[in-house]
Amino acid sequence: MKIEDSLVEDAHVLLHPIRYRIVELLAENPMHINQISKAMGEERRLVSYHLLALEERGFVNSKYEISESPKSKGKAIRKYWVTDKVDNVIAEIKKKL
């Protein structure tokens, strides 16, 4: 696959409106899916679908941790955060424009 093809695919994934909003939220602060869903006013299922697409392309990473929140204390929750790839792809897109 050529670098340009990969950039087009990455841009397509990253620049979807819902995915881009997720990335903006996670760039401010790592969150778990319920926090993202609530902040966006979107269904958890929809957020999960888009998080998977972002994680598959390397824009987002995640790990499980034990919740300290009173409602879910002691439960394993998955926390998400953005990777450097977001800034790298945006910089590449800007170069091409």
PDB file of N, CA and C in Angstrom:
ATOM      1  N   MET A   1       0.847  -1.180   0.000  1.00  0.00           N
ATOM      2  CA  MET A   1       0.000   0.000   0.000  1.00  0.00           C
ATOM      3  C   MET A   1       0.894   1.246   0.000  1.00  0.00           C
ATOM      4  N   LYS A   2       0.590   2.180  -0.856  1.00  0.00           N
ATOM      5  CA  LYS A   2       1.353   3.419  -0.919  1.00  0.00           C
ATOM      6  C   LYS A   2       1.039   4.282   0.298  1.00  0.00           C
ATOM      7  N   ILE A   3       1.991   5.153   0.631  1.00  0.00           N
ATOM      8  CA  ILE A   3       1.812   6.047   1.774  1.00  0.00           C
ATOM      9  C   ILE A   3       0.584   6.928   1.577  1.00  0.00           C
ATOM     10  N   GLU A   4       0.366   7.414   0.347  1.00  0.00           N
ATOM     11  CA  GLU A   4      -0.795   8.268   0.079  1.00  0.00           C
ATOM     12  C   GLU A   4      -2.100   7.523   0.322  1.00  0.00           C
ATOM     13  N   ASP A   5      -2.159   6.255  -0.082  1.00  0.00           N
ATOM     14  CA  ASP A   5      -3.362   5.451   0.143  1.00  0.00           C
ATOM     15  C   ASP A   5      -3.641   5.290   1.634  1.00  0.00           C
ATOM     16  N   SER A   6      -2.587   5.040   2.394  1.00  0.00           N
ATOM     17  CA  SER A   6      -2.731   4.876   3.835  1.00  0.00           C
ATOM     18  C   SER A   6      -3.208   6.181   4.475  1.00  0.00           C
ATOM     19  N   LEU A   7      -2.661   7.316   4.003  1.00  0.00           N
ATOM     20  CA  LEU A   7      -3.072   8.610   4.531  1.00  0.00           C
ATOM     21  C   LEU A   7      -4.547   8.886   4.239  1.00  0.00           C
ATOM     22  N   VAL A   8      -4.992   8.532   3.043  1.00  0.00           N
ATOM     23  CA  VAL A   8      -6.406   8.726   2.688  1.00  0.00           C
ATOM     24  C   VAL A   8      -7.294   7.880   3.598  1.00  0.00           C
ATOM     25  N   GLU A   9      -6.907   6.631   3.834  1.00  0.00           N
ATOM     26  CA  GLU A   9      -7.688   5.758   4.717  1.00  0.00           C
ATOM     27  C   GLU A   9      -7.697   6.298   6.151  1.00  0.00           C
ATOM     28  N   ASP A  10      -6.527   6.733   6.631  1.00  0.00           N
ATOM     29  CA  ASP A  10      -6.458   7.299   7.983  1.00  0.00           C
ATOM     30  C   ASP A  10      -7.329   8.549   8.088  1.00  0.00           C
ATOM     31  N   ALA A  11      -7.252   9.418   7.079  1.00  0.00           N
ATOM     32  CA  ALA A  11      -8.053  10.653   7.092  1.00  0.00           C
ATOM     33  C   ALA A  11      -9.536  10.316   7.110  1.00  0.00           C
ATOM     34  N   HIS A  12      -9.917   9.315   6.331  1.00  0.00           N
ATOM     35  CA  HIS A  12     -11.329   8.911   6.277  1.00  0.00           C
ATOM     36  C   HIS A  12     -11.824   8.466   7.654  1.00  0.00           C
ATOM     37  N   VAL A  13     -11.011   7.696   8.349  1.00  0.00           N
ATOM     38  CA  VAL A  13     -11.387   7.212   9.682  1.00  0.00           C
ATOM     39  C   VAL A  13     -11.400   8.366  10.683  1.00  0.00           C
ATOM     40  N   LEU A  14     -10.345   9.163  10.685  1.00  0.00           N
ATOM     41  CA  LEU A  14     -10.194  10.221  11.689  1.00  0.00           C
ATOM     42  C   LEU A  14     -11.191  11.355  11.517  1.00  0.00           C
ATOM     43  N   LEU A  15     -11.508  11.704  10.280  1.00  0.00           N
ATOM     44  CA  LEU A  15     -12.294  12.903  10.046  1.00  0.00           C
ATOM     45  C   LEU A  15     -13.813  12.672  10.015  1.00  0.00           C
ATOM     46  N   HIS A  16     -14.233  11.472  10.339  1.00  0.00           N
ATOM     47  CA  HIS A  16     -15.668  11.233  10.527  1.00  0.00           C
ATOM     48  C   HIS A  16     -16.097  12.109  11.705  1.00  0.00           C
ATOM     49  N   PRO A  17     -17.215  12.824  11.606  1.00  0.00           N
ATOM     50  CA  PRO A  17     -17.587  13.785  12.667  1.00  0.00           C
ATOM     51  C   PRO A  17     -17.649  13.205  14.080  1.00  0.00           C
ATOM     52  N   ILE A  18     -18.218  12.038  14.245  1.00  0.00           N
ATOM     53  CA  ILE A  18     -18.314  11.449  15.584  1.00  0.00           C
ATOM     54  C   ILE A  18     -16.936  11.024  16.073  1.00  0.00           C
ATOM     55  N   ARG A  19     -16.154  10.418  15.204  1.00  0.00           N
ATOM     56  CA  ARG A  19     -14.814   9.977  15.611  1.00  0.00           C
ATOM     57  C   ARG A  19     -13.940  11.168  15.967  1.00  0.00           C
ATOM     58  N   TYR A  20     -14.061  12.228  15.195  1.00  0.00           N
ATOM     59  CA  TYR A  20     -13.239  13.405  15.477  1.00  0.00           C
ATOM     60  C   TYR A  20     -13.639  14.021  16.826  1.00  0.00           C
ATOM     61  N   ARG A  21     -14.921  14.041  17.140  1.00  0.00           N
ATOM     62  CA  ARG A  21     -15.376  14.541  18.451  1.00  0.00           C
ATOM     63  C   ARG A  21     -14.832  13.668  19.586  1.00  0.00           C
ATOM     64  N   ILE A  22     -14.809  12.366  19.363  1.00  0.00           N
ATOM     65  CA  ILE A  22     -14.239  11.451  20.369  1.00  0.00           C
ATOM     66  C   ILE A  22     -12.764  11.777  20.585  1.00  0.00           C
ATOM     67  N   VAL A  23     -12.033  11.948  19.494  1.00  0.00           N
ATOM     68  CA  VAL A  23     -10.606  12.256  19.584  1.00  0.00           C
ATOM     69  C   VAL A  23     -10.387  13.586  20.317  1.00  0.00           C
ATOM     70  N   GLU A  24     -11.207  14.587  20.012  1.00  0.00           N
ATOM     71  CA  GLU A  24     -11.082  15.877  20.701  1.00  0.00           C
ATOM     72  C   GLU A  24     -11.286  15.713  22.209  1.00  0.00           C
ATOM     73  N   LEU A  25     -12.302  14.950  22.594  1.00  0.00           N
ATOM     74  CA  LEU A  25     -12.556  14.709  24.021  1.00  0.00           C
ATOM     75  C   LEU A  25     -11.389  13.990  24.684  1.00  0.00           C
ATOM     76  N   LEU A  26     -10.898  12.949  24.027  1.00  0.00           N
ATOM     77  CA  LEU A  26      -9.818  12.156  24.608  1.00  0.00           C
ATOM     78  C   LEU A  26      -8.488  12.900  24.626  1.00  0.00           C
ATOM     79  N   ALA A  27      -8.323  13.868  23.731  1.00  0.00           N
ATOM     80  CA  ALA A  27      -7.099  14.671  23.732  1.00  0.00           C
ATOM     81  C   ALA A  27      -7.045  15.544  24.989  1.00  0.00           C
ATOM     82  N   GLU A  28      -8.210  15.924  25.499  1.00  0.00           N
ATOM     83  CA  GLU A  28      -8.280  16.724  26.719  1.00  0.00           C
ATOM     84  C   GLU A  28      -8.031  15.874  27.957  1.00  0.00           C
ATOM     85  N   ASN A  29      -8.570  14.631  27.924  1.00  0.00           N
ATOM     86  CA  ASN A  29      -8.530  13.810  29.127  1.00  0.00           C
ATOM     87  C   ASN A  29      -8.864  12.365  28.773  1.00  0.00           C
ATOM     88  N   PRO A  30      -8.061  11.393  29.201  1.00  0.00           N
ATOM     89  CA  PRO A  30      -8.455   9.996  28.992  1.00  0.00           C
ATOM     90  C   PRO A  30      -9.784   9.718  29.684  1.00  0.00           C
ATOM     91  N   MET A  31     -10.626   8.903  29.057  1.00  0.00           N
ATOM     92  CA  MET A  31     -11.960   8.622  29.599  1.00  0.00           C
ATOM     93  C   MET A  31     -12.348   7.176  29.330  1.00  0.00           C
ATOM     94  N   HIS A  32     -13.364   6.719  30.064  1.00  0.00           N
ATOM     95  CA  HIS A  32     -13.956   5.425  29.738  1.00  0.00           C
ATOM     96  C   HIS A  32     -15.209   5.678  28.902  1.00  0.00           C
ATOM     97  N   ILE A  33     -15.729   4.629  28.319  1.00  0.00           N
ATOM     98  CA  ILE A  33     -16.791   4.761  27.323  1.00  0.00           C
ATOM     99  C   ILE A  33     -18.038   5.475  27.853  1.00  0.00           C
ATOM    100  N   ASN A  34     -18.421   5.221  29.095  1.00  0.00           N
ATOM    101  CA  ASN A  34     -19.611   5.897  29.633  1.00  0.00           C
ATOM    102  C   ASN A  34     -19.403   7.407  29.734  1.00  0.00           C
ATOM    103  N   GLN A  35     -18.196   7.824  30.099  1.00  0.00           N
ATOM    104  CA  GLN A  35     -17.893   9.255  30.165  1.00  0.00           C
ATOM    105  C   GLN A  35     -17.961   9.888  28.774  1.00  0.00           C
ATOM    106  N   ILE A  36     -17.411   9.200  27.796  1.00  0.00           N
ATOM    107  CA  ILE A  36     -17.424   9.708  26.418  1.00  0.00           C
ATOM    108  C   ILE A  36     -18.859   9.823  25.924  1.00  0.00           C
ATOM    109  N   SER A  37     -19.614   8.761  26.121  1.00  0.00           N
ATOM    110  CA  SER A  37     -21.008   8.719  25.682  1.00  0.00           C
ATOM    111  C   SER A  37     -21.813   9.859  26.301  1.00  0.00           C
ATOM    112  N   LYS A  38     -21.645  10.064  27.597  1.00  0.00           N
ATOM    113  CA  LYS A  38     -22.374  11.119  28.297  1.00  0.00           C
ATOM    114  C   LYS A  38     -21.950  12.503  27.797  1.00  0.00           C
ATOM    115  N   ALA A  39     -20.648  12.718  27.637  1.00  0.00           N
ATOM    116  CA  ALA A  39     -20.139  14.016  27.188  1.00  0.00           C
ATOM    117  C   ALA A  39     -20.630  14.361  25.783  1.00  0.00           C
ATOM    118  N   MET A  40     -20.803  13.342  24.943  1.00  0.00           N
ATOM    119  CA  MET A  40     -21.226  13.563  23.560  1.00  0.00           C
ATOM    120  C   MET A  40     -22.741  13.539  23.398  1.00  0.00           C
ATOM    121  N   GLY A  41     -23.441  12.980  24.377  1.00  0.00           N
ATOM    122  CA  GLY A  41     -24.880  12.826  24.245  1.00  0.00           C
ATOM    123  C   GLY A  41     -25.245  11.778  23.198  1.00  0.00           C
ATOM    124  N   GLU A  42     -24.374  10.774  23.057  1.00  0.00           N
ATOM    125  CA  GLU A  42     -24.593   9.697  22.081  1.00  0.00           C
ATOM    126  C   GLU A  42     -24.750   8.368  22.822  1.00  0.00           C
ATOM    127  N   GLU A  43     -25.394   7.405  22.155  1.00  0.00           N
ATOM    128  CA  GLU A  43     -25.559   6.078  22.740  1.00  0.00           C
ATOM    129  C   GLU A  43     -24.210   5.394  22.914  1.00  0.00           C
ATOM    130  N   ARG A  44     -24.093   4.663  23.994  1.00  0.00           N
ATOM    131  CA  ARG A  44     -22.856   3.937  24.295  1.00  0.00           C
ATOM    132  C   ARG A  44     -22.475   3.004  23.142  1.00  0.00           C
ATOM    133  N   ARG A  45     -23.465   2.351  22.554  1.00  0.00           N
ATOM    134  CA  ARG A  45     -23.230   1.402  21.456  1.00  0.00           C
ATOM    135  C   ARG A  45     -22.583   2.107  20.260  1.00  0.00           C
ATOM    136  N   LEU A  46     -23.054   3.309  19.933  1.00  0.00           N
ATOM    137  CA  LEU A  46     -22.501   4.075  18.818  1.00  0.00           C
ATOM    138  C   LEU A  46     -21.068   4.515  19.117  1.00  0.00           C
ATOM    139  N   VAL A  47     -20.841   4.979  20.330  1.00  0.00           N
ATOM    140  CA  VAL A  47     -19.496   5.387  20.739  1.00  0.00           C
ATOM    141  C   VAL A  47     -18.550   4.194  20.680  1.00  0.00           C
ATOM    142  N   SER A  48     -18.997   3.046  21.134  1.00  0.00           N
ATOM    143  CA  SER A  48     -18.185   1.830  21.116  1.00  0.00           C
ATOM    144  C   SER A  48     -17.769   1.460  19.690  1.00  0.00           C
ATOM    145  N   TYR A  49     -18.696   1.541  18.772  1.00  0.00           N
ATOM    146  CA  TYR A  49     -18.420   1.244  17.363  1.00  0.00           C
ATOM    147  C   TYR A  49     -17.307   2.152  16.824  1.00  0.00           C
ATOM    148  N   HIS A  50     -17.406   3.439  17.104  1.00  0.00           N
ATOM    149  CA  HIS A  50     -16.421   4.389  16.593  1.00  0.00           C
ATOM    150  C   HIS A  50     -15.080   4.287  17.321  1.00  0.00           C
ATOM    151  N   LEU A  51     -15.112   3.967  18.613  1.00  0.00           N
ATOM    152  CA  LEU A  51     -13.859   3.740  19.341  1.00  0.00           C
ATOM    153  C   LEU A  51     -13.093   2.558  18.753  1.00  0.00           C
ATOM    154  N   LEU A  52     -13.812   1.522  18.382  1.00  0.00           N
ATOM    155  CA  LEU A  52     -13.176   0.355  17.779  1.00  0.00           C
ATOM    156  C   LEU A  52     -12.479   0.734  16.477  1.00  0.00           C
ATOM    157  N   ALA A  53     -13.150   1.516  15.638  1.00  0.00           N
ATOM    158  CA  ALA A  53     -12.548   1.959  14.362  1.00  0.00           C
ATOM    159  C   ALA A  53     -11.293   2.792  14.629  1.00  0.00           C
ATOM    160  N   LEU A  54     -11.362   3.675  15.610  1.00  0.00           N
ATOM    161  CA  LEU A  54     -10.204   4.515  15.942  1.00  0.00           C
ATOM    162  C   LEU A  54      -9.055   3.683  16.506  1.00  0.00           C
ATOM    163  N   GLU A  55      -9.391   2.698  17.328  1.00  0.00           N
ATOM    164  CA  GLU A  55      -8.350   1.863  17.932  1.00  0.00           C
ATOM    165  C   GLU A  55      -7.696   0.957  16.881  1.00  0.00           C
ATOM    166  N   GLU A  56      -8.493   0.430  15.967  1.00  0.00           N
ATOM    167  CA  GLU A  56      -7.946  -0.433  14.911  1.00  0.00           C
ATOM    168  C   GLU A  56      -6.934   0.297  14.040  1.00  0.00           C
ATOM    169  N   ARG A  57      -7.122   1.597  13.823  1.00  0.00           N
ATOM    170  CA  ARG A  57      -6.208   2.395  12.992  1.00  0.00           C
ATOM    171  C   ARG A  57      -5.099   3.047  13.810  1.00  0.00           C
ATOM    172  N   GLY A  58      -5.088   2.830  15.115  1.00  0.00           N
ATOM    173  CA  GLY A  58      -3.995   3.328  15.947  1.00  0.00           C
ATOM    174  C   GLY A  58      -4.144   4.752  16.444  1.00  0.00           C
ATOM    175  N   PHE A  59      -5.340   5.330  16.318  1.00  0.00           N
ATOM    176  CA  PHE A  59      -5.562   6.692  16.803  1.00  0.00           C
ATOM    177  C   PHE A  59      -5.834   6.735  18.301  1.00  0.00           C
ATOM    178  N   VAL A  60      -6.301   5.614  18.844  1.00  0.00           N
ATOM    179  CA  VAL A  60      -6.696   5.523  20.246  1.00  0.00           C
ATOM    180  C   VAL A  60      -6.118   4.238  20.816  1.00  0.00           C
ATOM    181  N   ASN A  61      -5.669   4.312  22.060  1.00  0.00           N
ATOM    182  CA  ASN A  61      -5.263   3.126  22.807  1.00  0.00           C
ATOM    183  C   ASN A  61      -6.178   3.000  24.011  1.00  0.00           C
ATOM    184  N   SER A  62      -6.176   1.819  24.617  1.00  0.00           N
ATOM    185  CA  SER A  62      -6.989   1.617  25.809  1.00  0.00           C
ATOM    186  C   SER A  62      -6.348   0.582  26.716  1.00  0.00           C
ATOM    187  N   LYS A  63      -6.767   0.623  27.966  1.00  0.00           N
ATOM    188  CA  LYS A  63      -6.365  -0.422  28.916  1.00  0.00           C
ATOM    189  C   LYS A  63      -7.433  -0.507  29.997  1.00  0.00           C
ATOM    190  N   TYR A  64      -7.506  -1.667  30.613  1.00  0.00           N
ATOM    191  CA  TYR A  64      -8.447  -1.854  31.708  1.00  0.00           C
ATOM    192  C   TYR A  64      -7.804  -1.392  33.010  1.00  0.00           C
ATOM    193  N   GLU A  65      -8.623  -0.749  33.841  1.00  0.00           N
ATOM    194  CA  GLU A  65      -8.174  -0.375  35.173  1.00  0.00           C
ATOM    195  C   GLU A  65      -9.341  -0.556  36.140  1.00  0.00           C
ATOM    196  N   ILE A  66      -9.039  -0.568  37.404  1.00  0.00           N
ATOM    197  CA  ILE A  66     -10.067  -0.752  38.417  1.00  0.00           C
ATOM    198  C   ILE A  66     -10.682   0.612  38.750  1.00  0.00           C
ATOM    199  N   SER A  67     -11.995   0.677  38.685  1.00  0.00           N
ATOM    200  CA  SER A  67     -12.713   1.931  38.922  1.00  0.00           C
ATOM    201  C   SER A  67     -12.652   2.334  40.388  1.00  0.00           C
ATOM    202  N   GLU A  68     -12.494   3.637  40.603  1.00  0.00           N
ATOM    203  CA  GLU A  68     -12.548   4.215  41.945  1.00  0.00           C
ATOM    204  C   GLU A  68     -13.864   4.969  42.150  1.00  0.00           C
ATOM    205  N   SER A  69     -14.662   5.068  41.089  1.00  0.00           N
ATOM    206  CA  SER A  69     -15.945   5.769  41.158  1.00  0.00           C
ATOM    207  C   SER A  69     -16.883   5.043  42.119  1.00  0.00           C
ATOM    208  N   PRO A  70     -17.606   5.807  42.944  1.00  0.00           N
ATOM    209  CA  PRO A  70     -18.514   5.163  43.914  1.00  0.00           C
ATOM    210  C   PRO A  70     -19.524   4.209  43.269  1.00  0.00           C
ATOM    211  N   LYS A  71     -20.049   4.560  42.106  1.00  0.00           N
ATOM    212  CA  LYS A  71     -21.052   3.718  41.450  1.00  0.00           C
ATOM    213  C   LYS A  71     -20.479   2.394  40.946  1.00  0.00           C
ATOM    214  N   SER A  72     -19.217   2.415  40.526  1.00  0.00           N
ATOM    215  CA  SER A  72     -18.640   1.208  39.926  1.00  0.00           C
ATOM    216  C   SER A  72     -17.337   0.799  40.601  1.00  0.00           C
ATOM    217  N   LYS A  73     -17.174   1.171  41.858  1.00  0.00           N
ATOM    218  CA  LYS A  73     -15.929   0.892  42.582  1.00  0.00           C
ATOM    219  C   LYS A  73     -15.578  -0.592  42.528  1.00  0.00           C
ATOM    220  N   GLY A  74     -14.326  -0.851  42.173  1.00  0.00           N
ATOM    221  CA  GLY A  74     -13.832  -2.221  42.130  1.00  0.00           C
ATOM    222  C   GLY A  74     -14.050  -2.934  40.809  1.00  0.00           C
ATOM    223  N   LYS A  75     -14.828  -2.354  39.913  1.00  0.00           N
ATOM    224  CA  LYS A  75     -15.064  -2.980  38.608  1.00  0.00           C
ATOM    225  C   LYS A  75     -13.957  -2.601  37.638  1.00  0.00           C
ATOM    226  N   ALA A  76     -13.678  -3.509  36.706  1.00  0.00           N
ATOM    227  CA  ALA A  76     -12.707  -3.221  35.654  1.00  0.00           C
ATOM    228  C   ALA A  76     -13.394  -2.375  34.583  1.00  0.00           C
ATOM    229  N   ILE A  77     -12.803  -1.224  34.302  1.00  0.00           N
ATOM    230  CA  ILE A  77     -13.320  -0.364  33.240  1.00  0.00           C
ATOM    231  C   ILE A  77     -12.185  -0.102  32.248  1.00  0.00           C
ATOM    232  N   ARG A  78     -12.566   0.136  31.020  1.00  0.00           N
ATOM    233  CA  ARG A  78     -11.577   0.353  29.967  1.00  0.00           C
ATOM    234  C   ARG A  78     -11.427   1.848  29.731  1.00  0.00           C
ATOM    235  N   LYS A  79     -10.237   2.355  29.923  1.00  0.00           N
ATOM    236  CA  LYS A  79      -9.952   3.778  29.735  1.00  0.00           C
ATOM    237  C   LYS A  79      -9.276   3.965  28.381  1.00  0.00           C
ATOM    238  N   TYR A  80      -9.706   5.005  27.655  1.00  0.00           N
ATOM    239  CA  TYR A  80      -9.194   5.303  26.314  1.00  0.00           C
ATOM    240  C   TYR A  80      -8.433   6.619  26.313  1.00  0.00           C
ATOM    241  N   TRP A  81      -7.431   6.721  25.445  1.00  0.00           N
ATOM    242  CA  TRP A  81      -6.691   7.964  25.240  1.00  0.00           C
ATOM    243  C   TRP A  81      -6.188   7.996  23.795  1.00  0.00           C
ATOM    244  N   VAL A  82      -5.859   9.208  23.320  1.00  0.00           N
ATOM    245  CA  VAL A  82      -5.381   9.353  21.939  1.00  0.00           C
ATOM    246  C   VAL A  82      -3.888   9.069  21.871  1.00  0.00           C
ATOM    247  N   THR A  83      -3.437   8.699  20.675  1.00  0.00           N
ATOM    248  CA  THR A  83      -2.018   8.448  20.428  1.00  0.00           C
ATOM    249  C   THR A  83      -1.433   9.610  19.619  1.00  0.00           C
ATOM    250  N   ASP A  84      -0.132   9.587  19.451  1.00  0.00           N
ATOM    251  CA  ASP A  84       0.552  10.609  18.646  1.00  0.00           C
ATOM    252  C   ASP A  84       0.141  10.549  17.183  1.00  0.00           C
ATOM    253  N   LYS A  85      -0.413   9.427  16.763  1.00  0.00           N
ATOM    254  CA  LYS A  85      -0.797   9.274  15.362  1.00  0.00           C
ATOM    255  C   LYS A  85      -1.804  10.344  14.937  1.00  0.00           C
ATOM    256  N   VAL A  86      -2.659  10.775  15.850  1.00  0.00           N
ATOM    257  CA  VAL A  86      -3.653  11.807  15.517  1.00  0.00           C
ATOM    258  C   VAL A  86      -2.946  13.057  14.999  1.00  0.00           C
ATOM    259  N   ASP A  87      -1.998  13.575  15.777  1.00  0.00           N
ATOM    260  CA  ASP A  87      -1.278  14.786  15.368  1.00  0.00           C
ATOM    261  C   ASP A  87      -0.462  14.551  14.098  1.00  0.00           C
ATOM    262  N   ASN A  88       0.139  13.376  13.989  1.00  0.00           N
ATOM    263  CA  ASN A  88       0.952  13.066  12.806  1.00  0.00           C
ATOM    264  C   ASN A  88       0.112  13.052  11.535  1.00  0.00           C
ATOM    265  N   VAL A  89      -1.051  12.429  11.591  1.00  0.00           N
ATOM    266  CA  VAL A  89      -1.920  12.347  10.408  1.00  0.00           C
ATOM    267  C   VAL A  89      -2.466  13.729  10.053  1.00  0.00           C
ATOM    268  N   ILE A  90      -2.864  14.501  11.048  1.00  0.00           N
ATOM    269  CA  ILE A  90      -3.361  15.854  10.773  1.00  0.00           C
ATOM    270  C   ILE A  90      -2.260  16.705  10.129  1.00  0.00           C
ATOM    271  N   ALA A  91      -1.038  16.584  10.622  1.00  0.00           N
ATOM    272  CA  ALA A  91       0.092  17.327  10.036  1.00  0.00           C
ATOM    273  C   ALA A  91       0.322  16.915   8.587  1.00  0.00           C
ATOM    274  N   GLU A  92       0.236  15.609   8.305  1.00  0.00           N
ATOM    275  CA  GLU A  92       0.410  15.116   6.930  1.00  0.00           C
ATOM    276  C   GLU A  92      -0.697  15.621   6.013  1.00  0.00           C
ATOM    277  N   ILE A  93      -1.905  15.636   6.508  1.00  0.00           N
ATOM    278  CA  ILE A  93      -3.042  16.131   5.713  1.00  0.00           C
ATOM    279  C   ILE A  93      -2.810  17.608   5.374  1.00  0.00           C
ATOM    280  N   LYS A  94      -2.396  18.385   6.364  1.00  0.00           N
ATOM    281  CA  LYS A  94      -2.148  19.814   6.146  1.00  0.00           C
ATOM    282  C   LYS A  94      -1.057  20.041   5.101  1.00  0.00           C
ATOM    283  N   LYS A  95      -0.007  19.188   5.124  1.00  0.00           N
ATOM    284  CA  LYS A  95       1.075  19.304   4.138  1.00  0.00           C
ATOM    285  C   LYS A  95       0.558  19.091   2.725  1.00  0.00           C
ATOM    286  N   LYS A  96      -0.395  18.198   2.586  1.00  0.00           N
ATOM    287  CA  LYS A  96      -0.916  17.837   1.257  1.00  0.00           C
ATOM    288  C   LYS A  96      -1.897  18.878   0.713  1.00  0.00           C
ATOM    289  N   LEU A  97      -2.433  19.718   1.588  1.00  0.00           N
ATOM    290  CA  LEU A  97      -3.425  20.709   1.139  1.00  0.00           C
ATOM    291  C   LEU A  97      -2.768  21.912   0.502  1.00  0.00           C
TER     292      LEU A  97
END
